Amino acid sequence: MYPRVQFVASNTGCPTETINIWSHLLGTIWFCFSTTIFISNRPPSLRNTIILLCLMASALCFWCSTMYHMFASHPQAGVWQYFDHIGIVAIIWSSAVSFVFFSFEDQEELWKVYLLLTNLATLLCLIRLSWIQALPGAATSVVPLLNIAVLTKIYWVLRC
């Protein structure tokens, strides 16, 4: 095929990476805009801070993914894949923090314990990511075991 024809064909098509780049870029813009609107319309409070964390983590996740799809060569993704995984860990962490906070809002001690466990699991994911650049899900398998341990301890404390 002639070089000019290849150029036109590559720019008029809709390859998967183009869709990935634009969808993640639009998500980044959307969450940055939503964060700005949320900050301007809400008074400072712990509840609003938790929601703000989720919005900011979502924007970070989409931005990291945009950078990954724009600059990474998939066979050798390297540092861009690491940033993409950092964004994924951030959104999982913020989702877990908000879920824990709003689920146990009236039980402050339980909320603090689950927040500690969530932060420890996130820290394990980040440590694992810095050792080997792999998917951040391995350390999250610790959370169900910690959940059982906490509930068992609470049960025995309440029983006594």
C-alpha atoms as a PDB file:
ATOM      1  CA  MET A   1       0.000   0.000   0.000  1.00  0.00           C
ATOM      2  CA  TYR A   2       1.247   3.530  -0.716  1.00  0.00           C
ATOM      3  CA  PRO A   3       2.357   5.672   2.271  1.00  0.00           C
ATOM      4  CA  ARG A   4      -0.287   8.349   1.628  1.00  0.00           C
ATOM      5  CA  VAL A   5      -3.043   5.762   1.450  1.00  0.00           C
ATOM      6  CA  GLN A   6      -1.835   4.201   4.713  1.00  0.00           C
ATOM      7  CA  PHE A   7      -1.822   7.621   6.365  1.00  0.00           C
ATOM      8  CA  VAL A   8      -5.398   8.380   5.260  1.00  0.00           C
ATOM      9  CA  ALA A   9      -6.561   4.892   6.239  1.00  0.00           C
ATOM     10  CA  SER A  10      -5.029   5.145   9.706  1.00  0.00           C
ATOM     11  CA  ASN A  11      -6.576   8.568  10.386  1.00  0.00           C
ATOM     12  CA  THR A  12     -10.069   7.788   9.107  1.00  0.00           C
ATOM     13  CA  GLY A  13     -10.434   4.498  10.911  1.00  0.00           C
ATOM     14  CA  CYS A  14     -11.457   4.124  14.527  1.00  0.00           C
ATOM     15  CA  PRO A  15      -8.881   1.882  16.178  1.00  0.00           C
ATOM     16  CA  THR A  16      -9.420   0.598  19.686  1.00  0.00           C
ATOM     17  CA  GLU A  17      -6.695   2.796  21.202  1.00  0.00           C
ATOM     18  CA  THR A  18      -8.312   5.926  19.793  1.00  0.00           C
ATOM     19  CA  ILE A  19     -11.562   4.983  21.496  1.00  0.00           C
ATOM     20  CA  ASN A  20      -9.691   4.216  24.731  1.00  0.00           C
ATOM     21  CA  ILE A  21      -7.845   7.540  24.658  1.00  0.00           C
ATOM     22  CA  TRP A  22     -10.933   9.641  23.982  1.00  0.00           C
ATOM     23  CA  SER A  23     -13.239   7.788  26.382  1.00  0.00           C
ATOM     24  CA  HIS A  24     -10.724   8.110  29.218  1.00  0.00           C
ATOM     25  CA  LEU A  25      -9.942  11.733  28.364  1.00  0.00           C
ATOM     26  CA  LEU A  26     -13.651  12.584  28.386  1.00  0.00           C
ATOM     27  CA  GLY A  27     -13.974  10.782  31.733  1.00  0.00           C
ATOM     28  CA  THR A  28     -11.090  12.860  33.092  1.00  0.00           C
ATOM     29  CA  ILE A  29     -12.728  16.084  31.943  1.00  0.00           C
ATOM     30  CA  TRP A  30     -16.105  15.002  33.325  1.00  0.00           C
ATOM     31  CA  PHE A  31     -14.765  14.175  36.789  1.00  0.00           C
ATOM     32  CA  CYS A  32     -12.611  17.326  36.941  1.00  0.00           C
ATOM     33  CA  PHE A  33     -15.691  19.373  36.038  1.00  0.00           C
ATOM     34  CA  SER A  34     -17.829  17.470  38.573  1.00  0.00           C
ATOM     35  CA  THR A  35     -15.197  18.017  41.264  1.00  0.00           C
ATOM     36  CA  THR A  36     -15.131  21.748  40.566  1.00  0.00           C
ATOM     37  CA  ILE A  37     -18.918  22.012  40.685  1.00  0.00           C
ATOM     38  CA  PHE A  38     -19.062  19.939  43.877  1.00  0.00           C
ATOM     39  CA  ILE A  39     -16.447  22.102  45.641  1.00  0.00           C
ATOM     40  CA  SER A  40     -18.208  25.326  44.699  1.00  0.00           C
ATOM     41  CA  ASN A  41     -21.655  24.177  45.880  1.00  0.00           C
ATOM     42  CA  ARG A  42     -20.945  22.337  49.144  1.00  0.00           C
ATOM     43  CA  PRO A  43     -19.879  23.505  52.602  1.00  0.00           C
ATOM     44  CA  PRO A  44     -16.835  21.787  54.137  1.00  0.00           C
ATOM     45  CA  SER A  45     -17.724  18.672  56.131  1.00  0.00           C
ATOM     46  CA  LEU A  46     -16.423  15.139  56.595  1.00  0.00           C
ATOM     47  CA  ARG A  47     -19.205  13.731  54.395  1.00  0.00           C
ATOM     48  CA  ASN A  48     -18.387  16.146  51.591  1.00  0.00           C
ATOM     49  CA  THR A  49     -14.671  15.429  51.931  1.00  0.00           C
ATOM     50  CA  ILE A  50     -15.319  11.702  51.444  1.00  0.00           C
ATOM     51  CA  ILE A  51     -17.382  12.418  48.315  1.00  0.00           C
ATOM     52  CA  LEU A  52     -14.702  14.807  47.069  1.00  0.00           C
ATOM     53  CA  LEU A  53     -12.071  12.080  47.512  1.00  0.00           C
ATOM     54  CA  CYS A  54     -14.123   9.787  45.262  1.00  0.00           C
ATOM     55  CA  LEU A  55     -14.489  12.432  42.571  1.00  0.00           C
ATOM     56  CA  MET A  56     -10.787  13.296  42.651  1.00  0.00           C
ATOM     57  CA  ALA A  57      -9.734   9.632  42.601  1.00  0.00           C
ATOM     58  CA  SER A  58     -12.024   9.038  39.620  1.00  0.00           C
ATOM     59  CA  ALA A  59     -10.430  11.944  37.756  1.00  0.00           C
ATOM     60  CA  LEU A  60      -6.958  10.591  38.639  1.00  0.00           C
ATOM     61  CA  CYS A  61      -7.863   7.084  37.474  1.00  0.00           C
ATOM     62  CA  PHE A  62      -9.179   8.319  34.131  1.00  0.00           C
ATOM     63  CA  TRP A  63      -6.189  10.647  33.649  1.00  0.00           C
ATOM     64  CA  CYS A  64      -3.671   7.868  34.402  1.00  0.00           C
ATOM     65  CA  SER A  65      -5.491   5.581  31.996  1.00  0.00           C
ATOM     66  CA  THR A  66      -5.514   8.298  29.326  1.00  0.00           C
ATOM     67  CA  MET A  67      -1.742   8.687  29.680  1.00  0.00           C
ATOM     68  CA  TYR A  68      -1.299   4.914  29.510  1.00  0.00           C
ATOM     69  CA  HIS A  69      -3.296   4.582  26.287  1.00  0.00           C
ATOM     70  CA  MET A  70      -1.620   7.620  24.713  1.00  0.00           C
ATOM     71  CA  PHE A  71       2.020   6.837  25.467  1.00  0.00           C
ATOM     72  CA  ALA A  72       2.371   3.126  26.246  1.00  0.00           C
ATOM     73  CA  SER A  73       3.569   0.601  23.760  1.00  0.00           C
ATOM     74  CA  HIS A  74       1.468  -2.337  24.916  1.00  0.00           C
ATOM     75  CA  PRO A  75       4.105  -5.050  24.529  1.00  0.00           C
ATOM     76  CA  GLN A  76       6.402  -2.933  26.715  1.00  0.00           C
ATOM     77  CA  ALA A  77       4.049  -0.722  28.726  1.00  0.00           C
ATOM     78  CA  GLY A  78       6.574  -0.047  31.493  1.00  0.00           C
ATOM     79  CA  VAL A  79       6.070   3.041  33.619  1.00  0.00           C
ATOM     80  CA  TRP A  80       2.784   4.008  31.942  1.00  0.00           C
ATOM     81  CA  GLN A  81       1.181   0.756  33.025  1.00  0.00           C
ATOM     82  CA  TYR A  82       2.447   1.455  36.548  1.00  0.00           C
ATOM     83  CA  PHE A  83       0.681   4.850  36.502  1.00  0.00           C
ATOM     84  CA  ASP A  84      -2.479   3.229  35.147  1.00  0.00           C
ATOM     85  CA  HIS A  85      -2.442   0.758  38.028  1.00  0.00           C
ATOM     86  CA  ILE A  86      -1.853   3.570  40.533  1.00  0.00           C
ATOM     87  CA  GLY A  87      -5.028   5.214  39.220  1.00  0.00           C
ATOM     88  CA  ILE A  88      -6.927   1.942  39.567  1.00  0.00           C
ATOM     89  CA  VAL A  89      -5.722   1.524  43.154  1.00  0.00           C
ATOM     90  CA  ALA A  90      -6.770   5.128  43.898  1.00  0.00           C
ATOM     91  CA  ILE A  91     -10.328   4.640  42.672  1.00  0.00           C
ATOM     92  CA  ILE A  92     -10.701   1.292  44.447  1.00  0.00           C
ATOM     93  CA  TRP A  93      -9.394   2.873  47.662  1.00  0.00           C
ATOM     94  CA  SER A  94     -11.701   5.899  47.454  1.00  0.00           C
ATOM     95  CA  SER A  95     -14.697   3.675  46.688  1.00  0.00           C
ATOM     96  CA  ALA A  96     -13.912   1.466  49.675  1.00  0.00           C
ATOM     97  CA  VAL A  97     -13.402   4.459  51.983  1.00  0.00           C
ATOM     98  CA  SER A  98     -16.706   6.026  50.961  1.00  0.00           C
ATOM     99  CA  PHE A  99     -18.547   2.710  51.253  1.00  0.00           C
ATOM    100  CA  VAL A 100     -17.133   2.087  54.720  1.00  0.00           C
ATOM    101  CA  PHE A 101     -17.811   5.642  55.883  1.00  0.00           C
ATOM    102  CA  PHE A 102     -21.411   5.785  54.723  1.00  0.00           C
ATOM    103  CA  SER A 103     -22.158   2.200  55.830  1.00  0.00           C
ATOM    104  CA  PHE A 104     -20.848   2.688  59.366  1.00  0.00           C
ATOM    105  CA  GLU A 105     -21.308   6.424  59.772  1.00  0.00           C
ATOM    106  CA  ASP A 106     -23.201   6.044  63.039  1.00  0.00           C
ATOM    107  CA  GLN A 107     -20.671   3.509  64.423  1.00  0.00           C
ATOM    108  CA  GLU A 108     -17.469   5.522  64.656  1.00  0.00           C
ATOM    109  CA  GLU A 109     -15.272   2.787  66.178  1.00  0.00           C
ATOM    110  CA  LEU A 110     -16.246   0.253  63.527  1.00  0.00           C
ATOM    111  CA  TRP A 111     -15.745   2.851  60.804  1.00  0.00           C
ATOM    112  CA  LYS A 112     -12.232   3.583  62.071  1.00  0.00           C
ATOM    113  CA  VAL A 113     -11.310  -0.127  62.147  1.00  0.00           C
ATOM    114  CA  TYR A 114     -12.532  -0.711  58.600  1.00  0.00           C
ATOM    115  CA  LEU A 115     -10.812   2.457  57.420  1.00  0.00           C
ATOM    116  CA  LEU A 116      -7.566   1.189  58.914  1.00  0.00           C
ATOM    117  CA  LEU A 117      -7.999  -2.187  57.202  1.00  0.00           C
ATOM    118  CA  THR A 118      -8.823  -0.526  53.889  1.00  0.00           C
ATOM    119  CA  ASN A 119      -5.749   1.676  54.124  1.00  0.00           C
ATOM    120  CA  LEU A 120      -3.557  -1.321  54.993  1.00  0.00           C
ATOM    121  CA  ALA A 121      -4.876  -3.285  52.005  1.00  0.00           C
ATOM    122  CA  THR A 122      -4.247  -0.259  49.767  1.00  0.00           C
ATOM    123  CA  LEU A 123      -0.739   0.090  51.134  1.00  0.00           C
ATOM    124  CA  LEU A 124      -0.097  -3.597  50.379  1.00  0.00           C
ATOM    125  CA  CYS A 125      -1.279  -3.040  46.801  1.00  0.00           C
ATOM    126  CA  LEU A 126       1.021  -0.045  46.370  1.00  0.00           C
ATOM    127  CA  ILE A 127       3.976  -1.964  47.827  1.00  0.00           C
ATOM    128  CA  ARG A 128       3.270  -4.843  45.487  1.00  0.00           C
ATOM    129  CA  LEU A 129       3.044  -2.456  42.557  1.00  0.00           C
ATOM    130  CA  SER A 130       6.409  -0.937  43.345  1.00  0.00           C
ATOM    131  CA  TRP A 131       8.062  -4.363  43.629  1.00  0.00           C
ATOM    132  CA  ILE A 132       6.596  -5.803  40.463  1.00  0.00           C
ATOM    133  CA  GLN A 133       4.448  -3.932  38.016  1.00  0.00           C
ATOM    134  CA  ALA A 134       1.492  -6.279  38.014  1.00  0.00           C
ATOM    135  CA  LEU A 135      -2.235  -5.956  38.618  1.00  0.00           C
ATOM    136  CA  PRO A 136      -3.001  -4.430  42.022  1.00  0.00           C
ATOM    137  CA  GLY A 137      -5.604  -6.991  43.038  1.00  0.00           C
ATOM    138  CA  ALA A 138      -3.482  -9.521  44.927  1.00  0.00           C
ATOM    139  CA  ALA A 139      -3.307  -7.685  48.247  1.00  0.00           C
ATOM    140  CA  THR A 140      -7.074  -7.117  48.308  1.00  0.00           C
ATOM    141  CA  SER A 141      -7.574 -10.821  49.028  1.00  0.00           C
ATOM    142  CA  VAL A 142      -6.466  -9.930  52.559  1.00  0.00           C
ATOM    143  CA  VAL A 143      -9.583  -7.799  53.157  1.00  0.00           C
ATOM    144  CA  PRO A 144     -12.114 -10.663  53.559  1.00  0.00           C
ATOM    145  CA  LEU A 145      -9.839 -12.365  56.104  1.00  0.00           C
ATOM    146  CA  LEU A 146      -9.417  -9.115  58.019  1.00  0.00           C
ATOM    147  CA  ASN A 147     -13.186  -8.601  57.853  1.00  0.00           C
ATOM    148  CA  ILE A 148     -13.795 -11.987  59.477  1.00  0.00           C
ATOM    149  CA  ALA A 149     -11.197 -11.238  62.151  1.00  0.00           C
ATOM    150  CA  VAL A 150     -12.761  -7.871  62.988  1.00  0.00           C
ATOM    151  CA  LEU A 151     -16.312  -9.217  63.113  1.00  0.00           C
ATOM    152  CA  THR A 152     -15.205 -12.138  65.295  1.00  0.00           C
ATOM    153  CA  LYS A 153     -13.455  -9.753  67.699  1.00  0.00           C
ATOM    154  CA  ILE A 154     -16.492  -7.466  67.822  1.00  0.00           C
ATOM    155  CA  TYR A 155     -18.747 -10.443  68.472  1.00  0.00           C
ATOM    156  CA  TRP A 156     -16.610 -11.588  71.405  1.00  0.00           C
ATOM    157  CA  VAL A 157     -16.323  -8.072  72.822  1.00  0.00           C
ATOM    158  CA  LEU A 158     -20.097  -7.554  72.646  1.00  0.00           C
ATOM    159  CA  ARG A 159     -20.757 -10.986  74.117  1.00  0.00           C
ATOM    160  CA  CYS A 160     -18.669 -10.333  77.254  1.00  0.00           C
END
